[in-house]
């Protein structure tokens, strides 16, 4: 299976948030002493929160349609701004809003580590 590449009709608006999810195994021993270790090989997952403001209806539709077709579970490639290489993501959280100056879309992309078969 080959994964598609997300090329939105316009770049995301400023304010992209990059907040990693860290998955650790922790043991609390009392007196404030804790021992931690990574939970699996890819224990740091990138999470991007993207937003598109002032979209025309067809631009909003193109972004939302791409995300809906993936169904929240199918990975896709997307190259964040100021990066050279695409990263594999999934998106199970997005919304669109009608605003006075057009439409807005926001989406949360989570880095995906699945292996292509």
PDB file of N, CA and C in Angstrom:
ATOM      1  N   UNK A   1       0.840  -1.177   0.000  1.00  0.00           N
ATOM      2  CA  UNK A   1       0.000   0.000   0.000  1.00  0.00           C
ATOM      3  C   UNK A   1       0.884   1.238   0.000  1.00  0.00           C
ATOM      4  N   UNK A   2       0.556   2.175  -0.830  1.00  0.00           N
ATOM      5  CA  UNK A   2       1.307   3.423  -0.908  1.00  0.00           C
ATOM      6  C   UNK A   2       0.492   4.536  -0.259  1.00  0.00           C
ATOM      7  N   UNK A   3       1.133   5.311   0.575  1.00  0.00           N
ATOM      8  CA  UNK A   3       0.420   6.380   1.267  1.00  0.00           C
ATOM      9  C   UNK A   3       0.461   7.665   0.465  1.00  0.00           C
ATOM     10  N   UNK A   4      -0.615   8.412   0.547  1.00  0.00           N
ATOM     11  CA  UNK A   4      -0.733   9.672  -0.188  1.00  0.00           C
ATOM     12  C   UNK A   4       0.030  10.781   0.529  1.00  0.00           C
ATOM     13  N   UNK A   5       0.251  11.854  -0.216  1.00  0.00           N
ATOM     14  CA  UNK A   5       0.902  13.033   0.340  1.00  0.00           C
ATOM     15  C   UNK A   5      -0.125  14.152   0.434  1.00  0.00           C
ATOM     16  N   UNK A   6      -0.169  14.795   1.594  1.00  0.00           N
ATOM     17  CA  UNK A   6      -1.086  15.913   1.819  1.00  0.00           C
ATOM     18  C   UNK A   6      -0.414  17.190   1.361  1.00  0.00           C
ATOM     19  N   UNK A   7      -0.979  17.797   0.333  1.00  0.00           N
ATOM     20  CA  UNK A   7      -0.513  19.085  -0.184  1.00  0.00           C
ATOM     21  C   UNK A   7      -1.696  20.045  -0.123  1.00  0.00           C
ATOM     22  N   UNK A   8      -1.871  20.747   0.987  1.00  0.00           N
ATOM     23  CA  UNK A   8      -3.028  21.637   1.111  1.00  0.00           C
ATOM     24  C   UNK A   8      -2.971  22.752   0.068  1.00  0.00           C
ATOM     25  N   UNK A   9      -4.132  23.279  -0.325  1.00  0.00           N
ATOM     26  CA  UNK A   9      -4.166  24.328  -1.349  1.00  0.00           C
ATOM     27  C   UNK A   9      -3.477  25.616  -0.907  1.00  0.00           C
ATOM     28  N   UNK A  10      -3.379  25.838   0.392  1.00  0.00           N
ATOM     29  CA  UNK A  10      -2.655  26.991   0.946  1.00  0.00           C
ATOM     30  C   UNK A  10      -1.873  26.505   2.160  1.00  0.00           C
ATOM     31  N   UNK A  11      -0.787  27.201   2.462  1.00  0.00           N
ATOM     32  CA  UNK A  11       0.021  26.849   3.626  1.00  0.00           C
ATOM     33  C   UNK A  11      -0.764  27.142   4.908  1.00  0.00           C
ATOM     34  N   UNK A  12      -0.481  26.414   5.973  1.00  0.00           N
ATOM     35  CA  UNK A  12      -1.142  26.717   7.238  1.00  0.00           C
ATOM     36  C   UNK A  12      -0.841  28.140   7.691  1.00  0.00           C
ATOM     37  N   UNK A  13      -1.768  28.718   8.418  1.00  0.00           N
ATOM     38  CA  UNK A  13      -1.573  30.048   8.985  1.00  0.00           C
ATOM     39  C   UNK A  13      -0.479  29.991  10.037  1.00  0.00           C
ATOM     40  N   UNK A  14       0.047  31.132  10.392  1.00  0.00           N
ATOM     41  CA  UNK A  14       1.083  31.156  11.421  1.00  0.00           C
ATOM     42  C   UNK A  14       0.497  30.652  12.743  1.00  0.00           C
ATOM     43  N   UNK A  15       1.357  30.126  13.561  1.00  0.00           N
ATOM     44  CA  UNK A  15       0.920  29.617  14.855  1.00  0.00           C
ATOM     45  C   UNK A  15       0.863  28.104  14.933  1.00  0.00           C
ATOM     46  N   UNK A  16       1.532  27.408  14.011  1.00  0.00           N
ATOM     47  CA  UNK A  16       1.586  25.949  14.090  1.00  0.00           C
ATOM     48  C   UNK A  16       2.230  25.549  15.411  1.00  0.00           C
ATOM     49  N   UNK A  17       1.584  24.624  16.097  1.00  0.00           N
ATOM     50  CA  UNK A  17       2.085  24.187  17.405  1.00  0.00           C
ATOM     51  C   UNK A  17       2.701  22.803  17.265  1.00  0.00           C
ATOM     52  N   UNK A  18       3.901  22.643  17.797  1.00  0.00           N
ATOM     53  CA  UNK A  18       4.602  21.371  17.794  1.00  0.00           C
ATOM     54  C   UNK A  18       4.784  20.948  19.248  1.00  0.00           C
ATOM     55  N   UNK A  19       3.997  19.970  19.704  1.00  0.00           N
ATOM     56  CA  UNK A  19       4.083  19.521  21.098  1.00  0.00           C
ATOM     57  C   UNK A  19       4.206  18.005  21.104  1.00  0.00           C
ATOM     58  N   UNK A  20       5.404  17.491  21.378  1.00  0.00           N
ATOM     59  CA  UNK A  20       5.598  16.043  21.336  1.00  0.00           C
ATOM     60  C   UNK A  20       4.864  15.319  22.463  1.00  0.00           C
ATOM     61  N   UNK A  21       4.493  14.074  22.165  1.00  0.00           N
ATOM     62  CA  UNK A  21       3.959  13.167  23.188  1.00  0.00           C
ATOM     63  C   UNK A  21       5.100  12.240  23.581  1.00  0.00           C
ATOM     64  N   UNK A  22       5.382  12.164  24.860  1.00  0.00           N
ATOM     65  CA  UNK A  22       6.471  11.332  25.365  1.00  0.00           C
ATOM     66  C   UNK A  22       5.850  10.152  26.105  1.00  0.00           C
ATOM     67  N   UNK A  23       6.222   8.938  25.714  1.00  0.00           N
ATOM     68  CA  UNK A  23       5.682   7.736  26.341  1.00  0.00           C
ATOM     69  C   UNK A  23       6.795   7.080  27.156  1.00  0.00           C
ATOM     70  N   UNK A  24       6.632   7.098  28.481  1.00  0.00           N
ATOM     71  CA  UNK A  24       7.648   6.573  29.387  1.00  0.00           C
ATOM     72  C   UNK A  24       7.063   5.520  30.321  1.00  0.00           C
ATOM     73  N   UNK A  25       7.913   4.631  30.767  1.00  0.00           N
ATOM     74  CA  UNK A  25       7.581   3.720  31.849  1.00  0.00           C
ATOM     75  C   UNK A  25       8.174   4.339  33.113  1.00  0.00           C
ATOM     76  N   UNK A  26       7.375   4.471  34.164  1.00  0.00           N
ATOM     77  CA  UNK A  26       7.853   5.098  35.396  1.00  0.00           C
ATOM     78  C   UNK A  26       7.570   4.210  36.598  1.00  0.00           C
ATOM     79  N   UNK A  27       8.514   4.227  37.499  1.00  0.00           N
ATOM     80  CA  UNK A  27       8.346   3.538  38.773  1.00  0.00           C
ATOM     81  C   UNK A  27       8.630   4.540  39.880  1.00  0.00           C
ATOM     82  N   UNK A  28       7.649   4.727  40.773  1.00  0.00           N
ATOM     83  CA  UNK A  28       7.809   5.615  41.924  1.00  0.00           C
ATOM     84  C   UNK A  28       8.216   4.771  43.131  1.00  0.00           C
ATOM     85  N   UNK A  29       9.316   5.167  43.774  1.00  0.00           N
ATOM     86  CA  UNK A  29       9.847   4.409  44.895  1.00  0.00           C
ATOM     87  C   UNK A  29       9.659   5.115  46.239  1.00  0.00           C
ATOM     88  N   UNK A  30       8.966   6.231  46.263  1.00  0.00           N
ATOM     89  CA  UNK A  30       8.774   6.942  47.508  1.00  0.00           C
ATOM     90  C   UNK A  30       9.894   7.930  47.771  1.00  0.00           C
ATOM     91  N   UNK A  31       9.675   8.809  48.717  1.00  0.00           N
ATOM     92  CA  UNK A  31      10.624   9.862  49.068  1.00  0.00           C
ATOM     93  C   UNK A  31      11.010  10.710  47.854  1.00  0.00           C
ATOM     94  N   UNK A  32      10.133  10.748  46.847  1.00  0.00           N
ATOM     95  CA  UNK A  32      10.385  11.579  45.676  1.00  0.00           C
ATOM     96  C   UNK A  32      11.272  10.945  44.623  1.00  0.00           C
ATOM     97  N   UNK A  33      11.726   9.703  44.846  1.00  0.00           N
ATOM     98  CA  UNK A  33      12.600   9.044  43.884  1.00  0.00           C
ATOM     99  C   UNK A  33      11.763   8.332  42.826  1.00  0.00           C
ATOM    100  N   UNK A  34      12.052   8.622  41.567  1.00  0.00           N
ATOM    101  CA  UNK A  34      11.358   7.998  40.441  1.00  0.00           C
ATOM    102  C   UNK A  34      12.382   7.520  39.434  1.00  0.00           C
ATOM    103  N   UNK A  35      12.132   6.360  38.861  1.00  0.00           N
ATOM    104  CA  UNK A  35      12.986   5.858  37.791  1.00  0.00           C
ATOM    105  C   UNK A  35      12.144   5.771  36.523  1.00  0.00           C
ATOM    106  N   UNK A  36      12.676   6.325  35.407  1.00  0.00           N
ATOM    107  CA  UNK A  36      11.952   6.341  34.136  1.00  0.00           C
ATOM    108  C   UNK A  36      12.792   5.716  33.040  1.00  0.00           C
ATOM    109  N   UNK A  37      12.092   5.162  32.048  1.00  0.00           N
ATOM    110  CA  UNK A  37      12.765   4.641  30.856  1.00  0.00           C
ATOM    111  C   UNK A  37      11.805   4.760  29.677  1.00  0.00           C
ATOM    112  N   UNK A  38      12.343   4.787  28.459  1.00  0.00           N
ATOM    113  CA  UNK A  38      11.476   4.898  27.279  1.00  0.00           C
ATOM    114  C   UNK A  38      10.554   3.686  27.168  1.00  0.00           C
ATOM    115  N   UNK A  39       9.319   3.929  26.754  1.00  0.00           N
ATOM    116  CA  UNK A  39       8.352   2.866  26.518  1.00  0.00           C
ATOM    117  C   UNK A  39       8.328   2.584  25.017  1.00  0.00           C
ATOM    118  N   UNK A  40       9.210   1.729  24.551  1.00  0.00           N
ATOM    119  CA  UNK A  40       9.334   1.307  23.154  1.00  0.00           C
ATOM    120  C   UNK A  40      10.373   2.139  22.414  1.00  0.00           C
ATOM    121  N   UNK A  41      10.643   1.722  21.207  1.00  0.00           N
ATOM    122  CA  UNK A  41      11.680   2.343  20.399  1.00  0.00           C
ATOM    123  C   UNK A  41      11.352   3.789  20.034  1.00  0.00           C
ATOM    124  N   UNK A  42      10.144   4.029  19.579  1.00  0.00           N
ATOM    125  CA  UNK A  42       9.715   5.374  19.172  1.00  0.00           C
ATOM    126  C   UNK A  42       8.865   5.995  20.284  1.00  0.00           C
ATOM    127  N   UNK A  43       9.489   6.316  21.383  1.00  0.00           N
ATOM    128  CA  UNK A  43       8.735   6.807  22.535  1.00  0.00           C
ATOM    129  C   UNK A  43       8.447   8.312  22.474  1.00  0.00           C
ATOM    130  N   UNK A  44       9.051   9.022  21.516  1.00  0.00           N
ATOM    131  CA  UNK A  44       8.770  10.444  21.321  1.00  0.00           C
ATOM    132  C   UNK A  44       8.024  10.583  20.000  1.00  0.00           C
ATOM    133  N   UNK A  45       6.774  11.025  20.064  1.00  0.00           N
ATOM    134  CA  UNK A  45       5.926  11.183  18.887  1.00  0.00           C
ATOM    135  C   UNK A  45       5.647  12.669  18.682  1.00  0.00           C
ATOM    136  N   UNK A  46       5.917  13.144  17.488  1.00  0.00           N
ATOM    137  CA  UNK A  46       5.626  14.548  17.164  1.00  0.00           C
ATOM    138  C   UNK A  46       4.116  14.736  17.014  1.00  0.00           C
ATOM    139  N   UNK A  47       3.619  15.842  17.536  1.00  0.00           N
ATOM    140  CA  UNK A  47       2.209  16.191  17.394  1.00  0.00           C
ATOM    141  C   UNK A  47       2.146  17.640  16.929  1.00  0.00           C
ATOM    142  N   UNK A  48       1.584  17.855  15.737  1.00  0.00           N
ATOM    143  CA  UNK A  48       1.436  19.203  15.183  1.00  0.00           C
ATOM    144  C   UNK A  48      -0.016  19.621  15.231  1.00  0.00           C
ATOM    145  N   UNK A  49      -0.266  20.838  15.690  1.00  0.00           N
ATOM    146  CA  UNK A  49      -1.589  21.434  15.607  1.00  0.00           C
ATOM    147  C   UNK A  49      -1.507  22.517  14.547  1.00  0.00           C
ATOM    148  N   UNK A  50      -2.253  22.316  13.459  1.00  0.00           N
ATOM    149  CA  UNK A  50      -2.224  23.220  12.314  1.00  0.00           C
ATOM    150  C   UNK A  50      -3.545  23.937  12.178  1.00  0.00           C
ATOM    151  N   UNK A  51      -3.499  25.147  11.655  1.00  0.00           N
ATOM    152  CA  UNK A  51      -4.713  25.904  11.405  1.00  0.00           C
ATOM    153  C   UNK A  51      -4.627  26.647  10.091  1.00  0.00           C
ATOM    154  N   UNK A  52      -5.730  26.686   9.393  1.00  0.00           N
ATOM    155  CA  UNK A  52      -5.838  27.455   8.157  1.00  0.00           C
ATOM    156  C   UNK A  52      -6.958  28.461   8.352  1.00  0.00           C
ATOM    157  N   UNK A  53      -6.649  29.741   8.182  1.00  0.00           N
ATOM    158  CA  UNK A  53      -7.633  30.814   8.356  1.00  0.00           C
ATOM    159  C   UNK A  53      -7.966  31.432   7.001  1.00  0.00           C
ATOM    160  N   UNK A  54      -9.088  32.094   6.922  1.00  0.00           N
ATOM    161  CA  UNK A  54      -9.500  32.865   5.737  1.00  0.00           C
ATOM    162  C   UNK A  54      -9.531  32.004   4.478  1.00  0.00           C
ATOM    163  N   UNK A  55     -10.101  30.812   4.577  1.00  0.00           N
ATOM    164  CA  UNK A  55     -10.161  29.916   3.430  1.00  0.00           C
ATOM    165  C   UNK A  55     -11.402  30.172   2.580  1.00  0.00           C
ATOM    166  N   UNK A  56     -11.251  29.976   1.295  1.00  0.00           N
ATOM    167  CA  UNK A  56     -12.402  29.964   0.397  1.00  0.00           C
ATOM    168  C   UNK A  56     -13.093  28.610   0.557  1.00  0.00           C
ATOM    169  N   UNK A  57     -14.381  28.515   0.188  1.00  0.00           N
ATOM    170  CA  UNK A  57     -15.088  27.238   0.381  1.00  0.00           C
ATOM    171  C   UNK A  57     -14.381  26.042  -0.261  1.00  0.00           C
ATOM    172  N   UNK A  58     -13.874  26.181  -1.479  1.00  0.00           N
ATOM    173  CA  UNK A  58     -13.220  25.050  -2.155  1.00  0.00           C
ATOM    174  C   UNK A  58     -11.920  24.665  -1.461  1.00  0.00           C
ATOM    175  N   UNK A  59     -11.212  25.631  -0.844  1.00  0.00           N
ATOM    176  CA  UNK A  59      -9.978  25.322  -0.116  1.00  0.00           C
ATOM    177  C   UNK A  59     -10.301  24.518   1.146  1.00  0.00           C
ATOM    178  N   UNK A  60     -11.318  24.956   1.862  1.00  0.00           N
ATOM    179  CA  UNK A  60     -11.768  24.231   3.064  1.00  0.00           C
ATOM    180  C   UNK A  60     -12.182  22.816   2.686  1.00  0.00           C
ATOM    181  N   UNK A  61     -12.965  22.690   1.611  1.00  0.00           N
ATOM    182  CA  UNK A  61     -13.449  21.381   1.182  1.00  0.00           C
ATOM    183  C   UNK A  61     -12.305  20.443   0.820  1.00  0.00           C
ATOM    184  N   UNK A  62     -11.287  20.952   0.157  1.00  0.00           N
ATOM    185  CA  UNK A  62     -10.152  20.118  -0.248  1.00  0.00           C
ATOM    186  C   UNK A  62      -9.400  19.567   0.963  1.00  0.00           C
ATOM    187  N   UNK A  63      -9.189  20.413   1.966  1.00  0.00           N
ATOM    188  CA  UNK A  63      -8.481  19.974   3.178  1.00  0.00           C
ATOM    189  C   UNK A  63      -9.319  18.948   3.934  1.00  0.00           C
ATOM    190  N   UNK A  64     -10.581  19.259   4.176  1.00  0.00           N
ATOM    191  CA  UNK A  64     -11.454  18.372   4.941  1.00  0.00           C
ATOM    192  C   UNK A  64     -11.666  17.050   4.207  1.00  0.00           C
ATOM    193  N   UNK A  65     -11.852  17.103   2.908  1.00  0.00           N
ATOM    194  CA  UNK A  65     -12.053  15.876   2.131  1.00  0.00           C
ATOM    195  C   UNK A  65     -10.842  14.949   2.232  1.00  0.00           C
ATOM    196  N   UNK A  66      -9.644  15.510   2.156  1.00  0.00           N
ATOM    197  CA  UNK A  66      -8.430  14.684   2.280  1.00  0.00           C
ATOM    198  C   UNK A  66      -8.417  13.978   3.633  1.00  0.00           C
ATOM    199  N   UNK A  67      -8.703  14.711   4.705  1.00  0.00           N
ATOM    200  CA  UNK A  67      -8.670  14.133   6.049  1.00  0.00           C
ATOM    201  C   UNK A  67      -9.779  13.096   6.229  1.00  0.00           C
ATOM    202  N   UNK A  68     -10.972  13.386   5.717  1.00  0.00           N
ATOM    203  CA  UNK A  68     -12.083  12.438   5.834  1.00  0.00           C
ATOM    204  C   UNK A  68     -11.786  11.130   5.108  1.00  0.00           C
ATOM    205  N   UNK A  69     -11.149  11.216   3.943  1.00  0.00           N
ATOM    206  CA  UNK A  69     -10.826  10.000   3.185  1.00  0.00           C
ATOM    207  C   UNK A  69      -9.853   9.098   3.938  1.00  0.00           C
ATOM    208  N   UNK A  70      -9.018   9.651   4.805  1.00  0.00           N
ATOM    209  CA  UNK A  70      -8.072   8.850   5.583  1.00  0.00           C
ATOM    210  C   UNK A  70      -8.756   8.225   6.795  1.00  0.00           C
ATOM    211  N   UNK A  71      -9.910   8.749   7.184  1.00  0.00           N
ATOM    212  CA  UNK A  71     -10.702   8.147   8.250  1.00  0.00           C
ATOM    213  C   UNK A  71     -10.085   8.170   9.632  1.00  0.00           C
ATOM    214  N   UNK A  72      -9.050   8.965   9.838  1.00  0.00           N
ATOM    215  CA  UNK A  72      -8.435   9.060  11.153  1.00  0.00           C
ATOM    216  C   UNK A  72      -7.382   7.994  11.435  1.00  0.00           C
ATOM    217  N   UNK A  73      -7.294   6.968  10.588  1.00  0.00           N
ATOM    218  CA  UNK A  73      -6.359   5.874  10.859  1.00  0.00           C
ATOM    219  C   UNK A  73      -5.330   5.655   9.746  1.00  0.00           C
ATOM    220  N   UNK A  74      -5.643   6.068   8.532  1.00  0.00           N
ATOM    221  CA  UNK A  74      -4.733   5.824   7.413  1.00  0.00           C
ATOM    222  C   UNK A  74      -3.636   6.884   7.382  1.00  0.00           C
ATOM    223  N   UNK A  75      -2.370   6.466   7.386  1.00  0.00           N
ATOM    224  CA  UNK A  75      -1.270   7.428   7.378  1.00  0.00           C
ATOM    225  C   UNK A  75      -1.167   8.180   6.054  1.00  0.00           C
ATOM    226  N   UNK A  76      -0.513   9.320   6.115  1.00  0.00           N
ATOM    227  CA  UNK A  76      -0.222  10.120   4.930  1.00  0.00           C
ATOM    228  C   UNK A  76       1.070  10.873   5.192  1.00  0.00           C
ATOM    229  N   UNK A  77       1.654  11.362   4.117  1.00  0.00           N
ATOM    230  CA  UNK A  77       2.873  12.154   4.241  1.00  0.00           C
ATOM    231  C   UNK A  77       2.534  13.632   4.180  1.00  0.00           C
ATOM    232  N   UNK A  78       3.246  14.404   4.969  1.00  0.00           N
ATOM    233  CA  UNK A  78       3.116  15.859   4.960  1.00  0.00           C
ATOM    234  C   UNK A  78       4.464  16.436   5.376  1.00  0.00           C
ATOM    235  N   UNK A  79       4.886  17.475   4.662  1.00  0.00           N
ATOM    236  CA  UNK A  79       6.143  18.139   4.989  1.00  0.00           C
ATOM    237  C   UNK A  79       5.845  19.446   5.709  1.00  0.00           C
ATOM    238  N   UNK A  80       6.123  19.530   7.012  1.00  0.00           N
ATOM    239  CA  UNK A  80       5.892  20.774   7.738  1.00  0.00           C
ATOM    240  C   UNK A  80       6.746  21.910   7.159  1.00  0.00           C
ATOM    241  N   UNK A  81       6.258  23.126   7.323  1.00  0.00           N
ATOM    242  CA  UNK A  81       7.016  24.271   6.826  1.00  0.00           C
ATOM    243  C   UNK A  81       8.393  24.309   7.484  1.00  0.00           C
ATOM    244  N   UNK A  82       9.362  24.810   6.763  1.00  0.00           N
ATOM    245  CA  UNK A  82      10.752  24.910   7.197  1.00  0.00           C
ATOM    246  C   UNK A  82      11.424  23.547   7.372  1.00  0.00           C
ATOM    247  N   UNK A  83      10.858  22.498   6.791  1.00  0.00           N
ATOM    248  CA  UNK A  83      11.490  21.177   6.803  1.00  0.00           C
ATOM    249  C   UNK A  83      11.638  20.708   5.356  1.00  0.00           C
ATOM    250  N   UNK A  84      12.623  19.866   5.132  1.00  0.00           N
ATOM    251  CA  UNK A  84      12.910  19.397   3.780  1.00  0.00           C
ATOM    252  C   UNK A  84      12.309  18.036   3.457  1.00  0.00           C
ATOM    253  N   UNK A  85      12.112  17.219   4.463  1.00  0.00           N
ATOM    254  CA  UNK A  85      11.649  15.857   4.229  1.00  0.00           C
ATOM    255  C   UNK A  85      10.245  15.643   4.759  1.00  0.00           C
ATOM    256  N   UNK A  86       9.438  14.857   4.036  1.00  0.00           N
ATOM    257  CA  UNK A  86       8.093  14.567   4.528  1.00  0.00           C
ATOM    258  C   UNK A  86       8.137  13.650   5.745  1.00  0.00           C
ATOM    259  N   UNK A  87       7.115  13.763   6.572  1.00  0.00           N
ATOM    260  CA  UNK A  87       6.957  12.935   7.766  1.00  0.00           C
ATOM    261  C   UNK A  87       5.629  12.208   7.608  1.00  0.00           C
ATOM    262  N   UNK A  88       5.550  10.993   8.130  1.00  0.00           N
ATOM    263  CA  UNK A  88       4.297  10.234   8.057  1.00  0.00           C
ATOM    264  C   UNK A  88       3.435  10.578   9.278  1.00  0.00           C
ATOM    265  N   UNK A  89       2.142  10.866   9.013  1.00  0.00           N
ATOM    266  CA  UNK A  89       1.212  11.316  10.044  1.00  0.00           C
ATOM    267  C   UNK A  89      -0.113  10.569   9.939  1.00  0.00           C
ATOM    268  N   UNK A  90      -0.907  10.654  11.006  1.00  0.00           N
ATOM    269  CA  UNK A  90      -2.331  10.356  10.961  1.00  0.00           C
ATOM    270  C   UNK A  90      -3.043  11.558  11.560  1.00  0.00           C
ATOM    271  N   UNK A  91      -4.324  11.704  11.226  1.00  0.00           N
ATOM    272  CA  UNK A  91      -5.119  12.808  11.779  1.00  0.00           C
ATOM    273  C   UNK A  91      -6.502  12.289  12.105  1.00  0.00           C
ATOM    274  N   UNK A  92      -6.824  12.230  13.390  1.00  0.00           N
ATOM    275  CA  UNK A  92      -8.158  11.813  13.805  1.00  0.00           C
ATOM    276  C   UNK A  92      -8.923  12.943  14.495  1.00  0.00           C
ATOM    277  N   UNK A  93      -8.356  14.140  14.442  1.00  0.00           N
ATOM    278  CA  UNK A  93      -8.990  15.286  15.106  1.00  0.00           C
ATOM    279  C   UNK A  93      -8.867  16.519  14.219  1.00  0.00           C
ATOM    280  N   UNK A  94      -9.991  16.938  13.636  1.00  0.00           N
ATOM    281  CA  UNK A  94     -10.011  18.165  12.831  1.00  0.00           C
ATOM    282  C   UNK A  94     -11.402  18.770  12.912  1.00  0.00           C
ATOM    283  N   UNK A  95     -11.489  20.042  12.578  1.00  0.00           N
ATOM    284  CA  UNK A  95     -12.792  20.709  12.512  1.00  0.00           C
ATOM    285  C   UNK A  95     -12.714  21.877  11.541  1.00  0.00           C
ATOM    286  N   UNK A  96     -13.884  22.275  11.074  1.00  0.00           N
ATOM    287  CA  UNK A  96     -13.944  23.461  10.223  1.00  0.00           C
ATOM    288  C   UNK A  96     -15.040  24.381  10.746  1.00  0.00           C
ATOM    289  N   UNK A  97     -14.803  25.677  10.582  1.00  0.00           N
ATOM    290  CA  UNK A  97     -15.684  26.708  11.120  1.00  0.00           C
ATOM    291  C   UNK A  97     -15.920  27.769  10.066  1.00  0.00           C
ATOM    292  N   UNK A  98     -17.149  28.232   9.985  1.00  0.00           N
ATOM    293  CA  UNK A  98     -17.435  29.358   9.113  1.00  0.00           C
ATOM    294  C   UNK A  98     -17.175  30.625   9.918  1.00  0.00           C
ATOM    295  N   UNK A  99     -16.381  31.529   9.340  1.00  0.00           N
ATOM    296  CA  UNK A  99     -16.041  32.793   9.994  1.00  0.00           C
ATOM    297  C   UNK A  99     -16.477  33.946   9.096  1.00  0.00           C
ATOM    298  N   UNK A 100     -16.394  35.162   9.612  1.00  0.00           N
ATOM    299  CA  UNK A 100     -16.779  36.336   8.825  1.00  0.00           C
ATOM    300  C   UNK A 100     -15.918  36.506   7.582  1.00  0.00           C
ATOM    301  N   UNK A 101     -14.654  36.096   7.673  1.00  0.00           N
ATOM    302  CA  UNK A 101     -13.733  36.290   6.553  1.00  0.00           C
ATOM    303  C   UNK A 101     -13.496  35.007   5.766  1.00  0.00           C
ATOM    304  N   UNK A 102     -14.414  34.049   5.813  1.00  0.00           N
ATOM    305  CA  UNK A 102     -14.282  32.801   5.072  1.00  0.00           C
ATOM    306  C   UNK A 102     -14.444  31.616   5.989  1.00  0.00           C
ATOM    307  N   UNK A 103     -13.623  30.598   5.803  1.00  0.00           N
ATOM    308  CA  UNK A 103     -13.678  29.387   6.606  1.00  0.00           C
ATOM    309  C   UNK A 103     -12.351  29.181   7.318  1.00  0.00           C
ATOM    310  N   UNK A 104     -12.409  28.436   8.421  1.00  0.00           N
ATOM    311  CA  UNK A 104     -11.209  28.057   9.170  1.00  0.00           C
ATOM    312  C   UNK A 104     -11.216  26.547   9.328  1.00  0.00           C
ATOM    313  N   UNK A 105     -10.041  25.960   9.260  1.00  0.00           N
ATOM    314  CA  UNK A 105      -9.878  24.531   9.516  1.00  0.00           C
ATOM    315  C   UNK A 105      -8.730  24.383  10.505  1.00  0.00           C
ATOM    316  N   UNK A 106      -8.907  23.511  11.483  1.00  0.00           N
ATOM    317  CA  UNK A 106      -7.815  23.168  12.377  1.00  0.00           C
ATOM    318  C   UNK A 106      -7.705  21.645  12.406  1.00  0.00           C
ATOM    319  N   UNK A 107      -6.480  21.156  12.573  1.00  0.00           N
ATOM    320  CA  UNK A 107      -6.238  19.718  12.575  1.00  0.00           C
ATOM    321  C   UNK A 107      -5.041  19.398  13.458  1.00  0.00           C
ATOM    322  N   UNK A 108      -5.085  18.219  14.054  1.00  0.00           N
ATOM    323  CA  UNK A 108      -3.982  17.740  14.879  1.00  0.00           C
ATOM    324  C   UNK A 108      -3.377  16.531  14.168  1.00  0.00           C
ATOM    325  N   UNK A 109      -2.107  16.649  13.774  1.00  0.00           N
ATOM    326  CA  UNK A 109      -1.383  15.575  13.113  1.00  0.00           C
ATOM    327  C   UNK A 109      -0.488  14.889  14.131  1.00  0.00           C
ATOM    328  N   UNK A 110      -0.564  13.547  14.190  1.00  0.00           N
ATOM    329  CA  UNK A 110       0.296  12.768  15.074  1.00  0.00           C
ATOM    330  C   UNK A 110       1.230  11.925  14.214  1.00  0.00           C
ATOM    331  N   UNK A 111       2.508  11.983  14.529  1.00  0.00           N
ATOM    332  CA  UNK A 111       3.487  11.204  13.783  1.00  0.00           C
ATOM    333  C   UNK A 111       3.132   9.720  13.850  1.00  0.00           C
ATOM    334  N   UNK A 112       3.262   9.054  12.707  1.00  0.00           N
ATOM    335  CA  UNK A 112       2.883   7.656  12.597  1.00  0.00           C
ATOM    336  C   UNK A 112       4.130   6.813  12.343  1.00  0.00           C
ATOM    337  N   UNK A 113       4.263   5.723  13.065  1.00  0.00           N
ATOM    338  CA  UNK A 113       5.438   4.861  12.960  1.00  0.00           C
ATOM    339  C   UNK A 113       5.140   3.517  12.325  1.00  0.00           C
ATOM    340  N   UNK A 114       3.949   3.331  11.738  1.00  0.00           N
ATOM    341  CA  UNK A 114       3.641   2.048  11.136  1.00  0.00           C
ATOM    342  C   UNK A 114       4.570   1.762   9.969  1.00  0.00           C
ATOM    343  N   UNK A 115       4.778   0.488   9.734  1.00  0.00           N
ATOM    344  CA  UNK A 115       5.658   0.052   8.659  1.00  0.00           C
ATOM    345  C   UNK A 115       4.817  -0.317   7.447  1.00  0.00           C
ATOM    346  N   UNK A 116       5.247   0.129   6.284  1.00  0.00           N
ATOM    347  CA  UNK A 116       4.523  -0.163   5.045  1.00  0.00           C
ATOM    348  C   UNK A 116       4.768  -1.611   4.661  1.00  0.00           C
ATOM    349  N   UNK A 117       3.699  -2.319   4.342  1.00  0.00           N
ATOM    350  CA  UNK A 117       3.820  -3.734   3.947  1.00  0.00           C
ATOM    351  C   UNK A 117       3.491  -3.887   2.484  1.00  0.00           C
TER     352      UNK A 117
END
